[in-house]
Amino acid sequence: MSPAGGPSDTKKLIVEGLWRNNPIFRQVLGICSTLAVTNLVLNTAVMCVALVFTVSLSSATVSFLRTFTPRNIRMMVETLIIAFYVIIVDVLLKAYWPEMSTNLGPYVGLIITNCIVMGRCEACGTSNPPKTAFIDGFFNALGYTFILLIVATFREVLGMGTFMGYALPYFGTPAWDKWIIMVMPPGAFFMLAIVVWIFRSIQIAKEEGVK
C-alpha cells in the first residue's frame, strides 16, 4: 500500500476499509466478537468504539516505531502496543462504567487477539507513515463497526423487541412473538451469514457492472 499523499489516496483508504476490503464480509475477520456481543446494540456500540480506538492508535504507533523495531521481535512489540491500548479501554470501563464492563466480560481483553488489529498493524502500520496507518486502521474499524451494528440491531429488535434497551412499537408488545433464538448464539450465526451474503452479492454486482 502506498502512502496516502493526497485526497485521492485517503479516499482509497476509506473505501477499502469501509467497503471494498471490509474486515467482516470480505476478509471474514473478527468473527468471535461479531458472534459474542451483538445480542444488544449498546454492548455492540461500546465494543466497536473500543476497537476503533485500539486499531487506529495501535496501527499509528506501530508505524511510528517501525524504524526502531528489530524485525525478529516485531510481532511481540505489536502485541504489547495493542495490549497497552486495550488495557486503557478496560480500565476506563471498569472505573466509569462497571456495569458495561461486566456485560462485555472478557471480550474487551480479547481485542488483543482480534485478527483485525494485528492484521492492520502488519499490513499497513509496518510499511506506511503514521497518518496513513491511522486512517487505514480507523476506517477498517468503522467497516467492522457498521456490520456489527446491523447484526446487533436485527438481533435485539427481533429477539427482545427493544432498541438500545427501549421497547419498540409492535416489537415491544405482546403482539410480537419474540424470536428468542436471535439473542442466542445460533441467531448470531444466522444474521452474520445473511449480512455477509447480502453485502457480498451487492459487491459482486457492482464489480460485474464495472466490467
N, C-alpha and C. Protein backbone atom coordinates (compact mmCIF):
# COMPACT_ATOMS: atom_id res chain seq x y z
N MET A 1 0.84 -1.19 0.00
CA MET A 1 0.00 0.00 0.00
C MET A 1 0.88 1.24 0.00
N SER A 2 0.62 2.15 -0.90
CA SER A 2 1.43 3.35 -0.98
C SER A 2 0.95 4.36 0.03
N PRO A 3 1.85 5.25 0.52
CA PRO A 3 1.45 6.25 1.49
C PRO A 3 0.35 7.14 0.95
N ALA A 4 -0.50 7.60 1.87
CA ALA A 4 -1.59 8.49 1.47
C ALA A 4 -1.03 9.89 1.31
N GLY A 5 -0.74 10.25 0.10
CA GLY A 5 -0.12 11.55 -0.14
C GLY A 5 -1.11 12.65 -0.46
N GLY A 6 -2.35 12.33 -0.71
CA GLY A 6 -3.33 13.35 -1.07
C GLY A 6 -4.74 12.84 -0.86
N PRO A 7 -5.72 13.69 -1.22
CA PRO A 7 -7.13 13.32 -1.03
C PRO A 7 -7.52 12.02 -1.71
N SER A 8 -6.99 11.76 -2.92
CA SER A 8 -7.36 10.54 -3.64
C SER A 8 -6.87 9.30 -2.91
N ASP A 9 -5.65 9.38 -2.33
CA ASP A 9 -5.13 8.24 -1.56
C ASP A 9 -5.93 8.02 -0.29
N THR A 10 -6.30 9.11 0.36
CA THR A 10 -7.11 9.00 1.58
C THR A 10 -8.47 8.40 1.26
N LYS A 11 -9.07 8.84 0.15
CA LYS A 11 -10.36 8.30 -0.26
C LYS A 11 -10.26 6.81 -0.53
N LYS A 12 -9.16 6.40 -1.14
CA LYS A 12 -8.95 4.98 -1.42
C LYS A 12 -8.89 4.17 -0.13
N LEU A 13 -8.18 4.71 0.88
CA LEU A 13 -8.10 4.03 2.17
C LEU A 13 -9.48 3.90 2.81
N ILE A 14 -10.28 4.96 2.70
CA ILE A 14 -11.62 4.96 3.28
C ILE A 14 -12.50 3.92 2.61
N VAL A 15 -12.49 3.90 1.28
CA VAL A 15 -13.32 2.95 0.54
C VAL A 15 -12.87 1.51 0.81
N GLU A 16 -11.56 1.30 0.89
CA GLU A 16 -11.04 -0.04 1.17
C GLU A 16 -11.52 -0.53 2.54
N GLY A 17 -11.39 0.33 3.55
CA GLY A 17 -11.75 -0.07 4.90
C GLY A 17 -13.24 -0.27 5.11
N LEU A 18 -14.04 0.65 4.56
CA LEU A 18 -15.48 0.59 4.77
C LEU A 18 -16.17 -0.45 3.89
N TRP A 19 -15.65 -0.64 2.66
CA TRP A 19 -16.40 -1.47 1.72
C TRP A 19 -15.57 -2.51 1.00
N ARG A 20 -14.66 -2.06 0.15
CA ARG A 20 -14.01 -2.97 -0.80
C ARG A 20 -13.23 -4.09 -0.11
N ASN A 21 -12.63 -3.79 1.02
CA ASN A 21 -11.84 -4.79 1.75
C ASN A 21 -12.34 -4.90 3.18
N ASN A 22 -13.66 -4.80 3.35
CA ASN A 22 -14.27 -4.80 4.68
C ASN A 22 -13.80 -6.00 5.51
N PRO A 23 -13.41 -5.76 6.78
CA PRO A 23 -12.85 -6.85 7.59
C PRO A 23 -13.79 -8.04 7.79
N ILE A 24 -15.10 -7.80 7.79
CA ILE A 24 -16.03 -8.90 8.07
C ILE A 24 -16.52 -9.57 6.80
N PHE A 25 -17.19 -8.83 5.91
CA PHE A 25 -17.79 -9.54 4.78
C PHE A 25 -16.84 -9.79 3.62
N ARG A 26 -15.63 -9.22 3.66
CA ARG A 26 -14.64 -9.55 2.64
C ARG A 26 -13.51 -10.43 3.21
N GLN A 27 -12.98 -10.03 4.37
CA GLN A 27 -11.85 -10.77 4.94
C GLN A 27 -12.28 -11.83 5.96
N VAL A 28 -13.51 -11.73 6.43
CA VAL A 28 -14.07 -12.65 7.43
C VAL A 28 -13.15 -12.71 8.66
N LEU A 29 -12.86 -11.53 9.22
CA LEU A 29 -12.04 -11.42 10.42
C LEU A 29 -12.90 -10.89 11.58
N GLY A 30 -12.43 -11.10 12.81
CA GLY A 30 -13.13 -10.56 13.97
C GLY A 30 -14.47 -11.22 14.24
N ILE A 31 -14.63 -12.46 13.80
CA ILE A 31 -15.92 -13.14 13.91
C ILE A 31 -16.27 -13.46 15.36
N CYS A 32 -15.28 -13.70 16.21
CA CYS A 32 -15.53 -14.04 17.62
C CYS A 32 -16.40 -12.97 18.28
N SER A 33 -15.96 -11.71 18.19
CA SER A 33 -16.74 -10.64 18.81
C SER A 33 -18.05 -10.39 18.07
N THR A 34 -18.06 -10.64 16.76
CA THR A 34 -19.30 -10.49 15.99
C THR A 34 -20.38 -11.40 16.56
N LEU A 35 -20.01 -12.60 16.92
CA LEU A 35 -20.97 -13.57 17.42
C LEU A 35 -21.24 -13.40 18.91
N ALA A 36 -20.29 -12.82 19.64
CA ALA A 36 -20.39 -12.80 21.10
C ALA A 36 -21.16 -11.62 21.67
N VAL A 37 -20.99 -10.43 21.10
CA VAL A 37 -21.53 -9.22 21.76
C VAL A 37 -22.67 -8.56 21.01
N THR A 38 -23.16 -9.17 19.93
CA THR A 38 -24.14 -8.47 19.10
C THR A 38 -25.60 -8.77 19.47
N ASN A 39 -25.83 -9.28 20.68
CA ASN A 39 -27.22 -9.50 21.07
C ASN A 39 -27.88 -8.21 21.56
N LEU A 40 -27.07 -7.20 21.92
CA LEU A 40 -27.59 -5.90 22.34
C LEU A 40 -26.82 -4.79 21.62
N VAL A 41 -27.55 -3.82 21.11
CA VAL A 41 -26.92 -2.75 20.32
C VAL A 41 -25.96 -1.93 21.17
N LEU A 42 -26.34 -1.61 22.42
CA LEU A 42 -25.48 -0.78 23.26
C LEU A 42 -24.16 -1.47 23.53
N ASN A 43 -24.20 -2.75 23.88
CA ASN A 43 -22.96 -3.50 24.11
C ASN A 43 -22.09 -3.50 22.86
N THR A 44 -22.73 -3.69 21.72
CA THR A 44 -22.01 -3.72 20.44
C THR A 44 -21.36 -2.38 20.15
N ALA A 45 -22.10 -1.29 20.39
CA ALA A 45 -21.56 0.05 20.12
C ALA A 45 -20.33 0.33 20.97
N VAL A 46 -20.38 -0.05 22.24
CA VAL A 46 -19.23 0.17 23.13
C VAL A 46 -18.04 -0.66 22.67
N MET A 47 -18.30 -1.90 22.31
CA MET A 47 -17.23 -2.78 21.81
C MET A 47 -16.60 -2.20 20.55
N CYS A 48 -17.44 -1.65 19.68
CA CYS A 48 -16.94 -1.08 18.42
C CYS A 48 -16.10 0.17 18.66
N VAL A 49 -16.54 1.01 19.59
CA VAL A 49 -15.75 2.20 19.94
C VAL A 49 -14.38 1.78 20.47
N ALA A 50 -14.38 0.75 21.31
CA ALA A 50 -13.11 0.24 21.85
C ALA A 50 -12.21 -0.25 20.73
N LEU A 51 -12.80 -0.92 19.74
CA LEU A 51 -11.99 -1.45 18.64
C LEU A 51 -11.47 -0.33 17.74
N VAL A 52 -12.31 0.67 17.45
CA VAL A 52 -11.86 1.80 16.63
C VAL A 52 -10.67 2.49 17.30
N PHE A 53 -10.80 2.74 18.60
CA PHE A 53 -9.72 3.36 19.38
C PHE A 53 -8.45 2.52 19.30
N THR A 54 -8.59 1.22 19.51
CA THR A 54 -7.43 0.33 19.56
C THR A 54 -6.76 0.16 18.20
N VAL A 55 -7.56 -0.10 17.18
CA VAL A 55 -6.98 -0.36 15.85
C VAL A 55 -6.27 0.87 15.30
N SER A 56 -6.92 2.01 15.36
CA SER A 56 -6.33 3.22 14.77
C SER A 56 -5.05 3.64 15.49
N LEU A 57 -5.09 3.66 16.82
CA LEU A 57 -3.91 4.10 17.56
C LEU A 57 -2.80 3.05 17.57
N SER A 58 -3.17 1.78 17.59
CA SER A 58 -2.14 0.72 17.54
C SER A 58 -1.40 0.77 16.21
N SER A 59 -2.16 0.89 15.12
CA SER A 59 -1.55 0.93 13.79
C SER A 59 -0.64 2.14 13.65
N ALA A 60 -1.09 3.28 14.14
CA ALA A 60 -0.27 4.50 14.06
C ALA A 60 0.99 4.37 14.91
N THR A 61 0.86 3.77 16.09
CA THR A 61 2.03 3.61 16.98
C THR A 61 3.03 2.63 16.38
N VAL A 62 2.53 1.54 15.84
CA VAL A 62 3.43 0.57 15.17
C VAL A 62 4.17 1.27 14.03
N SER A 63 3.46 2.10 13.28
CA SER A 63 4.08 2.84 12.18
C SER A 63 5.16 3.79 12.69
N PHE A 64 4.85 4.48 13.78
CA PHE A 64 5.80 5.45 14.34
C PHE A 64 7.09 4.76 14.81
N LEU A 65 6.95 3.53 15.32
CA LEU A 65 8.10 2.82 15.88
C LEU A 65 8.74 1.84 14.89
N ARG A 66 8.22 1.80 13.65
CA ARG A 66 8.66 0.75 12.73
C ARG A 66 10.15 0.79 12.41
N THR A 67 10.73 1.97 12.36
CA THR A 67 12.16 2.07 12.02
C THR A 67 13.05 1.73 13.22
N PHE A 68 12.46 1.68 14.43
CA PHE A 68 13.24 1.38 15.64
C PHE A 68 13.03 -0.06 16.11
N THR A 69 12.12 -0.77 15.46
CA THR A 69 11.76 -2.11 15.93
C THR A 69 12.51 -3.18 15.14
N PRO A 70 13.35 -3.98 15.81
CA PRO A 70 14.03 -5.08 15.11
C PRO A 70 13.00 -6.06 14.54
N ARG A 71 13.27 -6.54 13.36
CA ARG A 71 12.29 -7.38 12.67
C ARG A 71 12.01 -8.69 13.41
N ASN A 72 13.00 -9.22 14.10
CA ASN A 72 12.81 -10.52 14.76
C ASN A 72 11.92 -10.43 16.00
N ILE A 73 11.64 -9.22 16.52
CA ILE A 73 10.72 -9.10 17.67
C ILE A 73 9.51 -8.22 17.31
N ARG A 74 9.30 -8.03 16.00
CA ARG A 74 8.23 -7.13 15.55
C ARG A 74 6.86 -7.52 16.10
N MET A 75 6.52 -8.82 16.02
CA MET A 75 5.21 -9.28 16.45
C MET A 75 5.00 -9.09 17.95
N MET A 76 6.05 -9.30 18.72
CA MET A 76 5.96 -9.11 20.17
C MET A 76 5.70 -7.65 20.50
N VAL A 77 6.39 -6.76 19.80
CA VAL A 77 6.20 -5.32 20.04
C VAL A 77 4.78 -4.90 19.66
N GLU A 78 4.30 -5.41 18.55
CA GLU A 78 2.94 -5.08 18.12
C GLU A 78 1.92 -5.54 19.15
N THR A 79 2.11 -6.75 19.68
CA THR A 79 1.19 -7.27 20.69
C THR A 79 1.20 -6.41 21.95
N LEU A 80 2.37 -5.97 22.36
CA LEU A 80 2.48 -5.10 23.54
C LEU A 80 1.79 -3.76 23.31
N ILE A 81 1.96 -3.21 22.12
CA ILE A 81 1.31 -1.93 21.80
C ILE A 81 -0.21 -2.08 21.83
N ILE A 82 -0.71 -3.16 21.21
CA ILE A 82 -2.16 -3.40 21.20
C ILE A 82 -2.67 -3.59 22.62
N ALA A 83 -1.93 -4.37 23.41
CA ALA A 83 -2.34 -4.62 24.80
C ALA A 83 -2.40 -3.32 25.60
N PHE A 84 -1.48 -2.40 25.35
CA PHE A 84 -1.45 -1.11 26.04
C PHE A 84 -2.77 -0.35 25.84
N TYR A 85 -3.23 -0.27 24.60
CA TYR A 85 -4.46 0.47 24.31
C TYR A 85 -5.69 -0.28 24.82
N VAL A 86 -5.67 -1.61 24.75
CA VAL A 86 -6.80 -2.39 25.27
C VAL A 86 -6.92 -2.23 26.78
N ILE A 87 -5.79 -2.22 27.48
CA ILE A 87 -5.80 -2.04 28.93
C ILE A 87 -6.38 -0.68 29.30
N ILE A 88 -6.06 0.35 28.50
CA ILE A 88 -6.63 1.68 28.76
C ILE A 88 -8.15 1.62 28.69
N VAL A 89 -8.68 0.98 27.63
CA VAL A 89 -10.14 0.85 27.47
C VAL A 89 -10.72 0.06 28.63
N ASP A 90 -10.09 -1.05 28.98
CA ASP A 90 -10.60 -1.92 30.04
C ASP A 90 -10.64 -1.20 31.38
N VAL A 91 -9.58 -0.47 31.71
CA VAL A 91 -9.51 0.26 32.98
C VAL A 91 -10.56 1.37 33.03
N LEU A 92 -10.73 2.10 31.91
CA LEU A 92 -11.72 3.18 31.87
C LEU A 92 -13.14 2.63 32.05
N LEU A 93 -13.43 1.51 31.40
CA LEU A 93 -14.76 0.90 31.56
C LEU A 93 -14.99 0.45 32.99
N LYS A 94 -14.02 -0.19 33.58
CA LYS A 94 -14.17 -0.66 34.97
C LYS A 94 -14.31 0.50 35.94
N ALA A 95 -13.65 1.61 35.66
CA ALA A 95 -13.70 2.75 36.56
C ALA A 95 -14.97 3.58 36.41
N TYR A 96 -15.41 3.80 35.16
CA TYR A 96 -16.51 4.73 34.92
C TYR A 96 -17.81 4.07 34.46
N TRP A 97 -17.75 2.81 34.03
CA TRP A 97 -18.96 2.13 33.57
C TRP A 97 -18.85 0.65 33.93
N PRO A 98 -18.82 0.34 35.23
CA PRO A 98 -18.61 -1.05 35.66
C PRO A 98 -19.68 -2.02 35.15
N GLU A 99 -20.91 -1.52 35.02
CA GLU A 99 -21.99 -2.39 34.52
C GLU A 99 -21.70 -2.86 33.10
N MET A 100 -21.24 -1.92 32.24
CA MET A 100 -20.90 -2.29 30.87
C MET A 100 -19.68 -3.22 30.85
N SER A 101 -18.73 -2.95 31.73
CA SER A 101 -17.54 -3.80 31.81
C SER A 101 -17.94 -5.24 32.15
N THR A 102 -18.92 -5.38 33.05
CA THR A 102 -19.42 -6.71 33.41
C THR A 102 -20.16 -7.34 32.24
N ASN A 103 -20.97 -6.54 31.53
CA ASN A 103 -21.73 -7.06 30.39
C ASN A 103 -20.81 -7.60 29.30
N LEU A 104 -19.74 -6.88 29.03
CA LEU A 104 -18.81 -7.30 27.97
C LEU A 104 -17.89 -8.43 28.42
N GLY A 105 -17.72 -8.54 29.74
CA GLY A 105 -16.92 -9.64 30.28
C GLY A 105 -15.51 -9.66 29.72
N PRO A 106 -15.05 -10.83 29.26
CA PRO A 106 -13.66 -10.95 28.80
C PRO A 106 -13.43 -10.42 27.39
N TYR A 107 -14.51 -10.00 26.70
CA TYR A 107 -14.36 -9.70 25.28
C TYR A 107 -13.58 -8.42 25.00
N VAL A 108 -13.54 -7.49 25.96
CA VAL A 108 -12.70 -6.30 25.78
C VAL A 108 -11.23 -6.73 25.76
N GLY A 109 -10.85 -7.56 26.72
CA GLY A 109 -9.47 -8.05 26.76
C GLY A 109 -9.10 -8.85 25.52
N LEU A 110 -10.08 -9.53 24.95
CA LEU A 110 -9.81 -10.36 23.78
C LEU A 110 -9.59 -9.55 22.51
N ILE A 111 -9.78 -8.23 22.59
CA ILE A 111 -9.43 -7.38 21.44
C ILE A 111 -7.95 -7.56 21.09
N ILE A 112 -7.15 -7.87 22.11
CA ILE A 112 -5.71 -8.07 21.89
C ILE A 112 -5.47 -9.15 20.85
N THR A 113 -6.32 -10.17 20.85
CA THR A 113 -6.13 -11.29 19.91
C THR A 113 -6.98 -11.14 18.65
N ASN A 114 -7.68 -10.03 18.51
CA ASN A 114 -8.54 -9.84 17.33
C ASN A 114 -7.67 -9.71 16.08
N CYS A 115 -7.97 -10.53 15.08
CA CYS A 115 -7.16 -10.55 13.85
C CYS A 115 -7.16 -9.21 13.13
N ILE A 116 -8.23 -8.42 13.27
CA ILE A 116 -8.31 -7.14 12.57
C ILE A 116 -7.20 -6.21 13.06
N VAL A 117 -6.98 -6.18 14.37
CA VAL A 117 -5.99 -5.26 14.94
C VAL A 117 -4.59 -5.62 14.46
N MET A 118 -4.21 -6.87 14.68
CA MET A 118 -2.88 -7.31 14.25
C MET A 118 -2.75 -7.23 12.73
N GLY A 119 -3.82 -7.54 12.02
CA GLY A 119 -3.78 -7.50 10.56
C GLY A 119 -3.48 -6.12 10.02
N ARG A 120 -4.12 -5.09 10.59
CA ARG A 120 -3.87 -3.73 10.11
C ARG A 120 -2.48 -3.24 10.52
N CYS A 121 -2.03 -3.63 11.70
CA CYS A 121 -0.68 -3.25 12.12
C CYS A 121 0.35 -3.84 11.17
N GLU A 122 0.15 -5.10 10.78
CA GLU A 122 1.08 -5.78 9.88
C GLU A 122 0.97 -5.28 8.44
N ALA A 123 -0.27 -5.15 7.96
CA ALA A 123 -0.47 -4.82 6.55
C ALA A 123 -0.15 -3.37 6.24
N CYS A 124 -0.42 -2.48 7.16
CA CYS A 124 -0.24 -1.05 6.87
C CYS A 124 0.73 -0.36 7.82
N GLY A 125 0.62 -0.66 9.12
CA GLY A 125 1.44 0.04 10.11
C GLY A 125 2.93 -0.16 9.94
N THR A 126 3.33 -1.35 9.49
CA THR A 126 4.76 -1.65 9.38
C THR A 126 5.41 -1.08 8.12
N SER A 127 4.61 -0.55 7.20
CA SER A 127 5.20 -0.11 5.93
C SER A 127 4.71 1.26 5.46
N ASN A 128 3.99 1.99 6.31
CA ASN A 128 3.48 3.30 5.93
C ASN A 128 3.66 4.31 7.05
N PRO A 129 3.61 5.60 6.72
CA PRO A 129 3.73 6.63 7.75
C PRO A 129 2.56 6.58 8.74
N PRO A 130 2.72 7.17 9.94
CA PRO A 130 1.68 7.12 10.97
C PRO A 130 0.31 7.63 10.52
N LYS A 131 0.27 8.71 9.73
CA LYS A 131 -1.02 9.25 9.29
C LYS A 131 -1.78 8.23 8.44
N THR A 132 -1.08 7.62 7.50
CA THR A 132 -1.70 6.61 6.65
C THR A 132 -2.17 5.42 7.47
N ALA A 133 -1.32 4.98 8.40
CA ALA A 133 -1.66 3.84 9.25
C ALA A 133 -2.89 4.15 10.11
N PHE A 134 -2.96 5.37 10.64
CA PHE A 134 -4.10 5.76 11.48
C PHE A 134 -5.40 5.75 10.67
N ILE A 135 -5.36 6.36 9.48
CA ILE A 135 -6.56 6.41 8.62
C ILE A 135 -6.99 5.01 8.23
N ASP A 136 -6.02 4.19 7.85
CA ASP A 136 -6.33 2.81 7.46
C ASP A 136 -6.98 2.06 8.62
N GLY A 137 -6.38 2.14 9.81
CA GLY A 137 -6.93 1.44 10.96
C GLY A 137 -8.30 1.97 11.36
N PHE A 138 -8.46 3.28 11.31
CA PHE A 138 -9.72 3.91 11.71
C PHE A 138 -10.87 3.44 10.82
N PHE A 139 -10.66 3.46 9.52
CA PHE A 139 -11.78 3.13 8.62
C PHE A 139 -11.98 1.61 8.48
N ASN A 140 -10.96 0.81 8.69
CA ASN A 140 -11.19 -0.63 8.77
C ASN A 140 -12.03 -0.96 10.00
N ALA A 141 -11.74 -0.27 11.11
CA ALA A 141 -12.53 -0.49 12.32
C ALA A 141 -13.96 0.01 12.14
N LEU A 142 -14.15 1.11 11.40
CA LEU A 142 -15.50 1.59 11.12
C LEU A 142 -16.25 0.61 10.21
N GLY A 143 -15.53 -0.01 9.26
CA GLY A 143 -16.14 -1.03 8.41
C GLY A 143 -16.63 -2.21 9.24
N TYR A 144 -15.84 -2.60 10.22
CA TYR A 144 -16.23 -3.65 11.17
C TYR A 144 -17.45 -3.19 11.98
N THR A 145 -17.43 -1.91 12.39
CA THR A 145 -18.49 -1.37 13.24
C THR A 145 -19.85 -1.40 12.57
N PHE A 146 -19.92 -0.94 11.32
CA PHE A 146 -21.25 -0.83 10.74
C PHE A 146 -21.88 -2.20 10.47
N ILE A 147 -21.06 -3.22 10.21
CA ILE A 147 -21.60 -4.57 10.05
C ILE A 147 -22.11 -5.09 11.39
N LEU A 148 -21.33 -4.90 12.45
CA LEU A 148 -21.75 -5.37 13.77
C LEU A 148 -23.03 -4.69 14.24
N LEU A 149 -23.15 -3.39 13.97
CA LEU A 149 -24.35 -2.67 14.40
C LEU A 149 -25.59 -3.15 13.64
N ILE A 150 -25.42 -3.50 12.37
CA ILE A 150 -26.55 -4.05 11.60
C ILE A 150 -26.99 -5.38 12.21
N VAL A 151 -26.02 -6.26 12.46
CA VAL A 151 -26.33 -7.56 13.05
C VAL A 151 -27.00 -7.38 14.42
N ALA A 152 -26.43 -6.50 15.25
CA ALA A 152 -26.96 -6.29 16.60
C ALA A 152 -28.36 -5.70 16.58
N THR A 153 -28.63 -4.79 15.65
CA THR A 153 -29.96 -4.17 15.57
C THR A 153 -31.03 -5.21 15.29
N PHE A 154 -30.81 -6.04 14.30
CA PHE A 154 -31.80 -7.08 13.97
C PHE A 154 -31.95 -8.09 15.10
N ARG A 155 -30.85 -8.46 15.73
CA ARG A 155 -30.92 -9.45 16.81
C ARG A 155 -31.70 -8.90 18.00
N GLU A 156 -31.42 -7.65 18.38
CA GLU A 156 -32.13 -7.08 19.54
C GLU A 156 -33.60 -6.82 19.25
N VAL A 157 -33.88 -6.25 18.08
CA VAL A 157 -35.27 -5.94 17.73
C VAL A 157 -36.11 -7.21 17.62
N LEU A 158 -35.61 -8.19 16.89
CA LEU A 158 -36.39 -9.42 16.68
C LEU A 158 -36.41 -10.32 17.91
N GLY A 159 -35.31 -10.32 18.67
CA GLY A 159 -35.21 -11.22 19.81
C GLY A 159 -35.75 -10.67 21.11
N MET A 160 -35.69 -9.33 21.29
CA MET A 160 -36.11 -8.74 22.56
C MET A 160 -37.18 -7.67 22.41
N GLY A 161 -37.42 -7.23 21.18
CA GLY A 161 -38.43 -6.20 20.97
C GLY A 161 -37.99 -4.82 21.42
N THR A 162 -36.68 -4.62 21.56
CA THR A 162 -36.15 -3.33 22.02
C THR A 162 -35.06 -2.84 21.08
N PHE A 163 -34.71 -1.57 21.25
CA PHE A 163 -33.55 -0.99 20.55
C PHE A 163 -32.84 -0.09 21.55
N MET A 164 -31.57 -0.37 21.81
CA MET A 164 -30.79 0.35 22.83
C MET A 164 -31.48 0.25 24.19
N GLY A 165 -32.20 -0.85 24.40
CA GLY A 165 -32.87 -1.07 25.68
C GLY A 165 -34.26 -0.49 25.79
N TYR A 166 -34.71 0.25 24.78
CA TYR A 166 -36.04 0.87 24.80
C TYR A 166 -37.02 0.03 23.98
N ALA A 167 -38.21 -0.21 24.55
CA ALA A 167 -39.22 -1.00 23.87
C ALA A 167 -39.69 -0.30 22.61
N LEU A 168 -39.88 -1.07 21.54
CA LEU A 168 -40.33 -0.52 20.26
C LEU A 168 -41.82 -0.77 20.05
N PRO A 169 -42.49 0.12 19.29
CA PRO A 169 -43.89 -0.14 18.93
C PRO A 169 -43.99 -1.49 18.21
N TYR A 170 -45.00 -2.22 18.53
CA TYR A 170 -45.30 -3.55 17.99
C TYR A 170 -44.28 -4.59 18.45
N PHE A 171 -42.99 -4.41 18.14
CA PHE A 171 -41.98 -5.40 18.51
C PHE A 171 -41.86 -5.53 20.02
N GLY A 172 -42.14 -4.45 20.73
CA GLY A 172 -42.03 -4.47 22.19
C GLY A 172 -43.34 -4.75 22.90
N THR A 173 -44.33 -5.22 22.17
CA THR A 173 -45.64 -5.51 22.75
C THR A 173 -45.92 -7.02 22.67
N PRO A 174 -46.93 -7.50 23.42
CA PRO A 174 -47.26 -8.93 23.37
C PRO A 174 -47.69 -9.40 21.97
N ALA A 175 -48.04 -8.45 21.09
CA ALA A 175 -48.44 -8.84 19.73
C ALA A 175 -47.29 -9.48 18.96
N TRP A 176 -46.06 -9.11 19.33
CA TRP A 176 -44.89 -9.68 18.65
C TRP A 176 -44.37 -10.87 19.45
N ASP A 177 -44.34 -12.01 18.82
CA ASP A 177 -43.80 -13.22 19.45
C ASP A 177 -42.29 -13.20 19.29
N LYS A 178 -41.59 -12.84 20.34
CA LYS A 178 -40.14 -12.62 20.28
C LYS A 178 -39.40 -13.87 19.80
N TRP A 179 -38.47 -13.65 18.88
CA TRP A 179 -37.65 -14.74 18.35
C TRP A 179 -36.46 -14.94 19.30
N ILE A 180 -36.66 -15.72 20.32
CA ILE A 180 -35.63 -15.89 21.33
C ILE A 180 -34.32 -16.41 20.73
N ILE A 181 -34.43 -17.18 19.67
CA ILE A 181 -33.23 -17.72 19.04
C ILE A 181 -32.28 -16.62 18.57
N MET A 182 -32.83 -15.42 18.30
CA MET A 182 -32.00 -14.33 17.79
C MET A 182 -31.01 -13.81 18.82
N VAL A 183 -31.32 -13.94 20.12
CA VAL A 183 -30.37 -13.48 21.14
C VAL A 183 -29.50 -14.63 21.65
N MET A 184 -29.66 -15.79 21.04
CA MET A 184 -28.82 -16.94 21.37
C MET A 184 -27.72 -17.08 20.30
N PRO A 185 -26.66 -17.85 20.58
CA PRO A 185 -25.56 -17.99 19.60
C PRO A 185 -26.00 -18.34 18.18
N PRO A 186 -26.98 -19.27 17.98
CA PRO A 186 -27.38 -19.56 16.60
C PRO A 186 -27.91 -18.33 15.85
N GLY A 187 -28.57 -17.41 16.58
CA GLY A 187 -29.08 -16.19 15.95
C GLY A 187 -27.96 -15.34 15.38
N ALA A 188 -26.82 -15.32 16.08
CA ALA A 188 -25.67 -14.56 15.59
C ALA A 188 -25.14 -15.17 14.29
N PHE A 189 -25.06 -16.49 14.23
CA PHE A 189 -24.60 -17.16 13.01
C PHE A 189 -25.54 -16.87 11.84
N PHE A 190 -26.85 -16.97 12.10
CA PHE A 190 -27.83 -16.74 11.03
C PHE A 190 -27.72 -15.31 10.49
N MET A 191 -27.72 -14.35 11.42
CA MET A 191 -27.70 -12.94 10.99
C MET A 191 -26.39 -12.59 10.28
N LEU A 192 -25.27 -13.09 10.80
CA LEU A 192 -23.99 -12.81 10.15
C LEU A 192 -23.96 -13.39 8.74
N ALA A 193 -24.46 -14.61 8.59
CA ALA A 193 -24.48 -15.25 7.27
C ALA A 193 -25.34 -14.45 6.29
N ILE A 194 -26.50 -13.98 6.75
CA ILE A 194 -27.39 -13.20 5.89
C ILE A 194 -26.74 -11.88 5.48
N VAL A 195 -26.13 -11.19 6.46
CA VAL A 195 -25.49 -9.89 6.17
C VAL A 195 -24.33 -10.07 5.20
N VAL A 196 -23.48 -11.07 5.44
CA VAL A 196 -22.35 -11.33 4.54
C VAL A 196 -22.85 -11.65 3.13
N TRP A 197 -23.88 -12.47 3.03
CA TRP A 197 -24.46 -12.83 1.73
C TRP A 197 -24.98 -11.60 0.99
N ILE A 198 -25.72 -10.74 1.70
CA ILE A 198 -26.29 -9.54 1.06
C ILE A 198 -25.19 -8.61 0.57
N PHE A 199 -24.23 -8.31 1.43
CA PHE A 199 -23.20 -7.34 1.05
C PHE A 199 -22.24 -7.89 0.00
N ARG A 200 -21.95 -9.17 0.05
CA ARG A 200 -21.10 -9.75 -1.00
C ARG A 200 -21.83 -9.77 -2.33
N SER A 201 -23.12 -10.02 -2.30
CA SER A 201 -23.91 -10.01 -3.54
C SER A 201 -23.92 -8.61 -4.15
N ILE A 202 -24.07 -7.60 -3.30
CA ILE A 202 -24.05 -6.21 -3.79
C ILE A 202 -22.69 -5.90 -4.41
N GLN A 203 -21.63 -6.32 -3.71
CA GLN A 203 -20.28 -6.02 -4.20
C GLN A 203 -19.99 -6.73 -5.52
N ILE A 204 -20.40 -7.99 -5.61
CA ILE A 204 -20.19 -8.74 -6.86
C ILE A 204 -20.95 -8.09 -8.02
N ALA A 205 -22.20 -7.66 -7.74
CA ALA A 205 -23.00 -6.99 -8.77
C ALA A 205 -22.34 -5.70 -9.24
N LYS A 206 -21.75 -4.95 -8.27
CA LYS A 206 -21.05 -3.70 -8.64
C LYS A 206 -19.83 -3.99 -9.48
N GLU A 207 -19.06 -5.00 -9.10
CA GLU A 207 -17.84 -5.34 -9.85
C GLU A 207 -18.18 -5.82 -11.25
N GLU A 208 -19.25 -6.60 -11.38
CA GLU A 208 -19.66 -7.06 -12.71
C GLU A 208 -20.18 -5.92 -13.56
N GLY A 209 -20.82 -4.96 -12.89
CA GLY A 209 -21.32 -3.77 -13.61
C GLY A 209 -20.18 -2.93 -14.15
N VAL A 210 -19.08 -2.85 -13.38
CA VAL A 210 -17.90 -2.09 -13.83
C VAL A 210 -17.28 -2.76 -15.04
N LYS A 211 -17.24 -4.11 -15.03
CA LYS A 211 -16.65 -4.83 -16.16
C LYS A 211 -17.50 -4.66 -17.41
